[in-house]
Amino acid sequence: MNIPQSRLIPSKASEQFQRPRSLRASNWYIEATKYFILVFLSISFLLPFYWMISSALKNDDQVYTVPPVLFPVPARWINFAEAWNIDNFNLYVFNTIARYTIPAIVGTLISCTLVAYGFARFKWPGRDILFAICLMTMMVPFQVQMVPLFIIFKKLGWINSYNPLVVPTFFGNAYYIFMLRQFFKTIPEELSDAARIDGANEFKILWYIMLPLVKPALAVVALFTFLGTWNDYLGPLIYLNQSHLYTLSMGLASLSTNITQAGIKHLAYPYLMAVSAIITVPIIFIFFFAQRTFIEGISLTGIKG
């Protein structure tokens, strides 16, 4: 049987029809693989949080059971209240927020905004060299600075006070200065020129024009400073030696000792996980409600160099 050769060779129309189908199939596989990786990574990031919360609801027998108990039955919700009341965590919250976090955020915002505005808007001899030196300070690790700073603050009589933790924030932070400078450089110069023609000085330009436009970047700086002070353990450990000055991180570190003194060592691990979960909740809520501003600030600070 002779088959016409035209039937053996696919036409151009059929090739054009099959090509989009193959492209759609390949795109579907790429999208499916992308979402599978994202879901897998999300689960891997959420597992430590789930383990922390589930461990906080267990008793001692369930914590050390092999294979591990994933769903504690019955759940001991009272662990949160009991663990929080073992030590003076209400005082630690006050110390962390009122005496450390809020002053540090205020100092960082004031100092970094002024310095970044000066680097971004003013042209003066040696500006770029000084900015480069400012950036080079980020390469000096804190471990190298610990001993000299401790000696300086001890001679000033600032040990067992929050001055060593708060006062340096009023002298700027190189990373935040860089972020805010990048954001200031994205704002058109014409806005400042128009304000100068109307008779506004630089402080009025900064307060009435620049700051409202850089709110996303300021929110990022405030959020980063909050996270750094809320979780800071090494700084308070160096300068604070009295228990009534402890922050939440130091109170959590000393919780195991207080549990032993209270005679309830059999619930040490669930109590530690309970307090850790309580301390983590504010960070999650703040990031959840400020994520849009946070992402916007991060993306816009790198637009212009």
Protein backbone atom coordinates (compact mmCIF):
# COMPACT_ATOMS: atom_id res chain seq x y z
CA MET A 1 0.00 0.00 0.00
CA ASN A 2 1.49 3.30 -1.06
CA ILE A 3 1.05 6.13 1.46
CA PRO A 4 1.38 9.61 0.09
CA GLN A 5 4.58 11.29 1.18
CA SER A 6 2.65 14.38 2.22
CA ARG A 7 1.01 12.34 5.01
CA LEU A 8 4.35 11.12 6.38
CA ILE A 9 5.79 14.65 6.74
CA PRO A 10 3.97 16.79 9.35
CA SER A 11 2.73 20.06 8.01
CA LYS A 12 3.86 23.45 9.27
CA ALA A 13 0.47 24.01 10.88
CA SER A 14 0.77 20.85 12.99
CA GLU A 15 4.30 21.80 14.06
CA GLN A 16 3.11 25.23 15.13
CA PHE A 17 0.27 23.61 17.07
CA GLN A 18 2.51 21.12 18.88
CA ARG A 19 5.19 23.67 19.79
CA PRO A 20 2.95 25.82 22.07
CA ARG A 21 1.72 22.65 23.78
CA SER A 22 5.29 21.59 24.54
CA LEU A 23 6.11 25.07 25.80
CA ARG A 24 3.05 25.08 28.07
CA ALA A 25 4.01 21.67 29.41
CA SER A 26 7.58 22.75 30.13
CA ASN A 27 6.36 25.93 31.82
CA TRP A 28 3.98 23.87 33.94
CA TYR A 29 6.82 21.62 35.08
CA ILE A 30 8.98 24.64 35.94
CA GLU A 31 6.19 26.28 37.95
CA ALA A 32 5.36 23.03 39.75
CA THR A 33 9.01 22.48 40.64
CA LYS A 34 9.32 26.06 41.87
CA TYR A 35 6.29 25.78 44.15
CA PHE A 36 7.39 22.37 45.41
CA ILE A 37 10.76 23.81 46.46
CA LEU A 38 9.07 26.80 48.11
CA VAL A 39 6.66 24.56 50.04
CA PHE A 40 9.50 22.28 51.11
CA LEU A 41 11.59 25.22 52.33
CA SER A 42 8.60 26.72 54.14
CA ILE A 43 7.96 23.46 55.97
CA SER A 44 11.64 23.15 56.89
CA PHE A 45 11.57 26.69 58.35
CA LEU A 46 8.33 26.07 60.25
CA LEU A 47 9.41 22.77 61.80
CA PRO A 48 11.62 24.35 64.53
CA PHE A 49 8.75 26.65 65.56
CA TYR A 50 6.32 23.74 65.68
CA TRP A 51 8.77 21.68 67.73
CA MET A 52 9.23 24.58 70.17
CA ILE A 53 5.49 25.02 70.69
CA SER A 54 4.75 21.30 70.90
CA SER A 55 7.59 20.82 73.41
CA ALA A 56 6.18 23.67 75.51
CA LEU A 57 2.89 21.72 75.79
CA LYS A 58 4.46 18.43 76.88
CA ASN A 59 5.40 16.95 80.20
CA ASP A 60 8.84 15.56 80.91
CA ASP A 61 7.96 12.00 79.87
CA GLN A 62 6.67 13.12 76.47
CA VAL A 63 9.76 15.25 75.80
CA TYR A 64 12.24 12.38 76.09
CA THR A 65 10.09 9.68 74.49
CA VAL A 66 11.58 7.82 71.51
CA PRO A 67 10.16 8.00 68.86
CA PRO A 68 9.27 11.64 69.59
CA VAL A 69 5.71 12.66 70.39
CA LEU A 70 4.53 15.09 67.71
CA PHE A 71 1.10 15.87 69.21
CA PRO A 72 1.16 16.12 73.02
CA VAL A 73 -1.89 14.52 74.63
CA PRO A 74 -2.95 15.96 76.98
CA ALA A 75 -1.51 19.39 76.17
CA ARG A 76 -0.20 21.22 79.24
CA TRP A 77 -1.20 24.83 78.48
CA ILE A 78 -0.43 25.71 82.07
CA ASN A 79 3.28 25.37 81.29
CA PHE A 80 3.28 28.90 79.82
CA ALA A 81 1.94 30.56 82.96
CA GLU A 82 4.03 28.47 85.35
CA ALA A 83 7.26 29.04 83.42
CA TRP A 84 6.63 32.79 83.15
CA ASN A 85 6.01 33.13 86.90
CA ILE A 86 9.10 31.20 87.99
CA ASP A 87 11.22 34.31 87.50
CA ASN A 88 10.49 38.04 87.29
CA PHE A 89 9.91 38.09 83.54
CA ASN A 90 7.57 41.08 83.78
CA LEU A 91 10.53 43.14 84.98
CA TYR A 92 12.69 41.70 82.22
CA VAL A 93 10.09 42.77 79.64
CA PHE A 94 10.11 46.30 81.05
CA ASN A 95 13.91 46.42 81.01
CA THR A 96 14.07 45.12 77.44
CA ILE A 97 11.44 47.45 76.01
CA ALA A 98 11.62 50.68 78.04
CA ARG A 99 15.29 50.75 78.97
CA TYR A 100 16.95 49.15 75.96
CA THR A 101 14.84 48.65 72.81
CA ILE A 102 12.97 51.97 72.59
CA PRO A 103 15.99 54.20 73.43
CA ALA A 104 18.13 52.22 70.98
CA ILE A 105 15.55 52.62 68.20
CA VAL A 106 15.26 56.37 68.85
CA GLY A 107 19.03 56.83 68.91
CA THR A 108 19.57 54.78 65.78
CA LEU A 109 16.88 56.59 63.79
CA ILE A 110 18.09 60.06 64.78
CA SER A 111 21.81 59.50 64.25
CA CYS A 112 21.63 57.35 61.10
CA THR A 113 19.07 59.63 59.42
CA LEU A 114 21.15 62.76 59.95
CA VAL A 115 24.40 61.15 58.84
CA ALA A 116 22.83 59.45 55.82
CA TYR A 117 21.18 62.70 54.74
CA GLY A 118 24.54 64.46 54.97
CA PHE A 119 26.25 61.81 52.84
CA ALA A 120 23.45 61.76 50.25
CA ARG A 121 22.60 65.45 49.81
CA PHE A 122 25.62 67.56 50.69
CA LYS A 123 28.79 67.83 48.61
CA TRP A 124 31.85 68.57 50.72
CA PRO A 125 35.55 67.71 50.47
CA GLY A 126 36.38 64.20 51.61
CA ARG A 127 32.76 63.02 51.65
CA ASP A 128 33.35 59.84 49.64
CA ILE A 129 36.51 58.98 51.58
CA LEU A 130 34.73 59.37 54.91
CA PHE A 131 31.80 57.32 53.65
CA ALA A 132 34.18 54.56 52.60
CA ILE A 133 35.78 54.61 56.06
CA CYS A 134 32.30 54.41 57.57
CA LEU A 135 31.55 51.31 55.50
CA MET A 136 34.88 49.72 56.41
CA THR A 137 33.89 49.76 60.08
CA MET A 138 31.36 47.02 59.25
CA MET A 139 34.28 44.66 58.66
CA VAL A 140 35.43 44.95 62.29
CA PRO A 141 33.68 42.17 64.27
CA PHE A 142 32.18 42.92 67.66
CA GLN A 143 34.41 40.31 69.28
CA VAL A 144 37.42 42.50 68.49
CA GLN A 145 35.77 45.53 70.10
CA MET A 146 34.54 43.85 73.29
CA VAL A 147 37.60 44.27 75.48
CA PRO A 148 38.44 47.90 74.51
CA LEU A 149 34.80 48.95 74.86
CA PHE A 150 34.50 47.26 78.24
CA ILE A 151 37.62 49.05 79.50
CA ILE A 152 36.31 52.41 78.26
CA PHE A 153 32.85 51.97 79.78
CA LYS A 154 34.31 50.70 83.05
CA LYS A 155 36.45 53.82 83.39
CA LEU A 156 33.36 55.91 82.70
CA GLY A 157 31.51 54.09 85.48
CA TRP A 158 28.81 52.75 83.16
CA ILE A 159 29.00 49.08 84.15
CA ASN A 160 25.65 47.74 85.48
CA SER A 161 23.74 50.37 83.54
CA TYR A 162 22.18 50.55 80.08
CA ASN A 163 24.46 53.38 78.95
CA PRO A 164 26.96 51.07 77.17
CA LEU A 165 24.07 49.55 75.22
CA VAL A 166 22.09 52.72 74.41
CA VAL A 167 24.57 55.61 74.11
CA PRO A 168 26.52 54.12 71.13
CA THR A 169 23.28 54.01 69.11
CA PHE A 170 23.26 57.84 69.09
CA PHE A 171 26.54 57.78 67.12
CA GLY A 172 25.21 55.91 64.09
CA ASN A 173 25.42 52.46 62.59
CA ALA A 174 27.32 51.99 59.33
CA TYR A 175 24.88 49.49 57.84
CA TYR A 176 21.80 51.61 58.53
CA ILE A 177 23.58 54.74 57.30
CA PHE A 178 24.28 52.96 54.03
CA MET A 179 20.65 51.84 53.69
CA LEU A 180 19.22 55.28 54.36
CA ARG A 181 21.76 56.96 52.08
CA GLN A 182 20.70 54.70 49.23
CA PHE A 183 17.07 55.61 49.86
CA PHE A 184 17.78 59.35 50.03
CA LYS A 185 19.54 59.16 46.67
CA THR A 186 16.36 57.83 45.02
CA ILE A 187 14.48 61.07 45.87
CA PRO A 188 14.69 63.72 43.11
CA GLU A 189 16.84 66.76 43.84
CA GLU A 190 14.12 69.00 42.41
CA LEU A 191 12.03 68.56 45.55
CA SER A 192 14.81 69.97 47.73
CA ASP A 193 15.54 72.77 45.25
CA ALA A 194 11.89 73.83 45.22
CA ALA A 195 11.84 73.91 49.01
CA ARG A 196 15.02 76.02 49.12
CA ILE A 197 13.47 78.51 46.72
CA ASP A 198 10.54 78.82 49.13
CA GLY A 199 13.00 79.65 51.92
CA ALA A 200 13.22 76.30 53.74
CA ASN A 201 16.49 75.38 55.43
CA GLU A 202 17.97 71.90 55.39
CA PHE A 203 16.34 70.78 58.64
CA LYS A 204 12.91 71.77 57.35
CA ILE A 205 13.59 69.97 54.08
CA LEU A 206 14.61 66.88 56.00
CA TRP A 207 11.63 67.01 58.38
CA TYR A 208 8.80 68.02 56.08
CA ILE A 209 9.88 66.54 52.73
CA MET A 210 12.45 63.78 53.15
CA LEU A 211 11.25 61.93 56.23
CA PRO A 212 7.70 61.35 54.94
CA LEU A 213 9.18 59.91 51.75
CA VAL A 214 11.63 57.57 53.51
CA LYS A 215 9.15 56.02 55.94
CA PRO A 216 9.65 52.51 54.47
CA ALA A 217 13.42 52.71 55.02
CA LEU A 218 12.95 54.10 58.53
CA ALA A 219 10.57 51.25 59.28
CA VAL A 220 13.22 48.76 58.15
CA VAL A 221 15.85 50.39 60.37
CA ALA A 222 13.45 50.39 63.33
CA LEU A 223 12.55 46.74 62.74
CA PHE A 224 16.16 45.62 62.44
CA THR A 225 17.07 47.55 65.58
CA PHE A 226 14.15 46.01 67.43
CA LEU A 227 15.20 42.50 66.41
CA GLY A 228 18.80 43.17 67.38
CA THR A 229 17.99 44.55 70.83
CA TRP A 230 15.18 42.11 71.59
CA ASN A 231 17.42 39.10 70.91
CA ASP A 232 20.67 40.64 72.17
CA TYR A 233 22.37 38.45 74.74
CA LEU A 234 26.09 39.16 74.46
CA GLY A 235 25.84 42.90 75.12
CA PRO A 236 23.76 42.66 78.33
CA LEU A 237 25.88 39.71 79.45
CA ILE A 238 29.01 41.87 79.32
CA TYR A 239 27.70 45.02 80.99
CA LEU A 240 24.82 43.89 83.26
CA ASN A 241 25.68 41.79 86.30
CA GLN A 242 22.70 42.44 88.58
CA SER A 243 19.53 40.40 88.20
CA HIS A 244 17.16 43.39 88.43
CA LEU A 245 18.77 44.76 85.24
CA TYR A 246 18.42 41.58 83.19
CA THR A 247 16.82 41.61 79.76
CA LEU A 248 14.60 38.83 78.41
CA SER A 249 17.49 36.99 76.79
CA MET A 250 19.45 36.94 80.04
CA GLY A 251 16.35 35.94 82.00
CA LEU A 252 15.82 33.05 79.61
CA ALA A 253 19.45 31.99 80.02
CA SER A 254 19.13 31.98 83.81
CA LEU A 255 15.77 30.16 83.76
CA SER A 256 17.32 26.71 84.10
CA THR A 257 19.00 27.78 87.34
CA ASN A 258 15.74 29.19 88.71
CA ILE A 259 13.88 26.01 87.75
CA THR A 260 16.40 23.94 89.72
CA GLN A 261 16.05 26.23 92.73
CA ALA A 262 12.26 25.98 92.53
CA GLY A 263 12.48 22.18 92.73
CA ILE A 264 10.69 21.46 89.43
CA LYS A 265 13.62 20.26 87.38
CA HIS A 266 11.45 17.55 85.79
CA LEU A 267 9.77 20.27 83.66
CA ALA A 268 12.93 22.19 82.77
CA TYR A 269 12.81 21.59 79.01
CA PRO A 270 9.05 22.31 78.54
CA TYR A 271 9.38 25.50 80.62
CA LEU A 272 12.35 26.68 78.56
CA MET A 273 10.41 26.09 75.36
CA ALA A 274 7.34 27.84 76.78
CA VAL A 275 9.23 31.03 77.65
CA SER A 276 11.07 30.90 74.31
CA ALA A 277 7.73 30.72 72.49
CA ILE A 278 6.36 33.70 74.43
CA ILE A 279 9.44 35.76 73.63
CA THR A 280 9.21 34.83 69.94
CA VAL A 281 5.54 35.85 69.53
CA PRO A 282 6.13 39.68 69.43
CA ILE A 283 8.73 39.30 66.68
CA ILE A 284 6.37 37.23 64.54
CA PHE A 285 3.46 39.64 64.99
CA ILE A 286 5.55 42.73 64.24
CA PHE A 287 6.97 41.22 61.08
CA PHE A 288 3.52 39.96 60.01
CA PHE A 289 1.91 43.40 60.26
CA ALA A 290 4.92 45.30 58.88
CA GLN A 291 6.00 42.92 56.14
CA ARG A 292 4.78 45.11 53.26
CA THR A 293 6.68 48.14 54.54
CA PHE A 294 9.66 45.95 55.33
CA ILE A 295 9.86 44.43 51.84
CA GLU A 296 9.31 47.82 50.20
CA GLY A 297 12.12 49.39 52.23
CA ILE A 298 14.53 46.57 51.47
CA SER A 299 13.81 46.67 47.73
CA LEU A 300 14.04 50.45 47.36
CA THR A 301 17.27 50.94 49.31
CA GLY A 302 19.25 49.28 46.52
CA ILE A 303 17.77 51.05 43.49
CA LYS A 304 20.40 53.76 43.09
CA GLY A 305 24.04 53.65 44.05
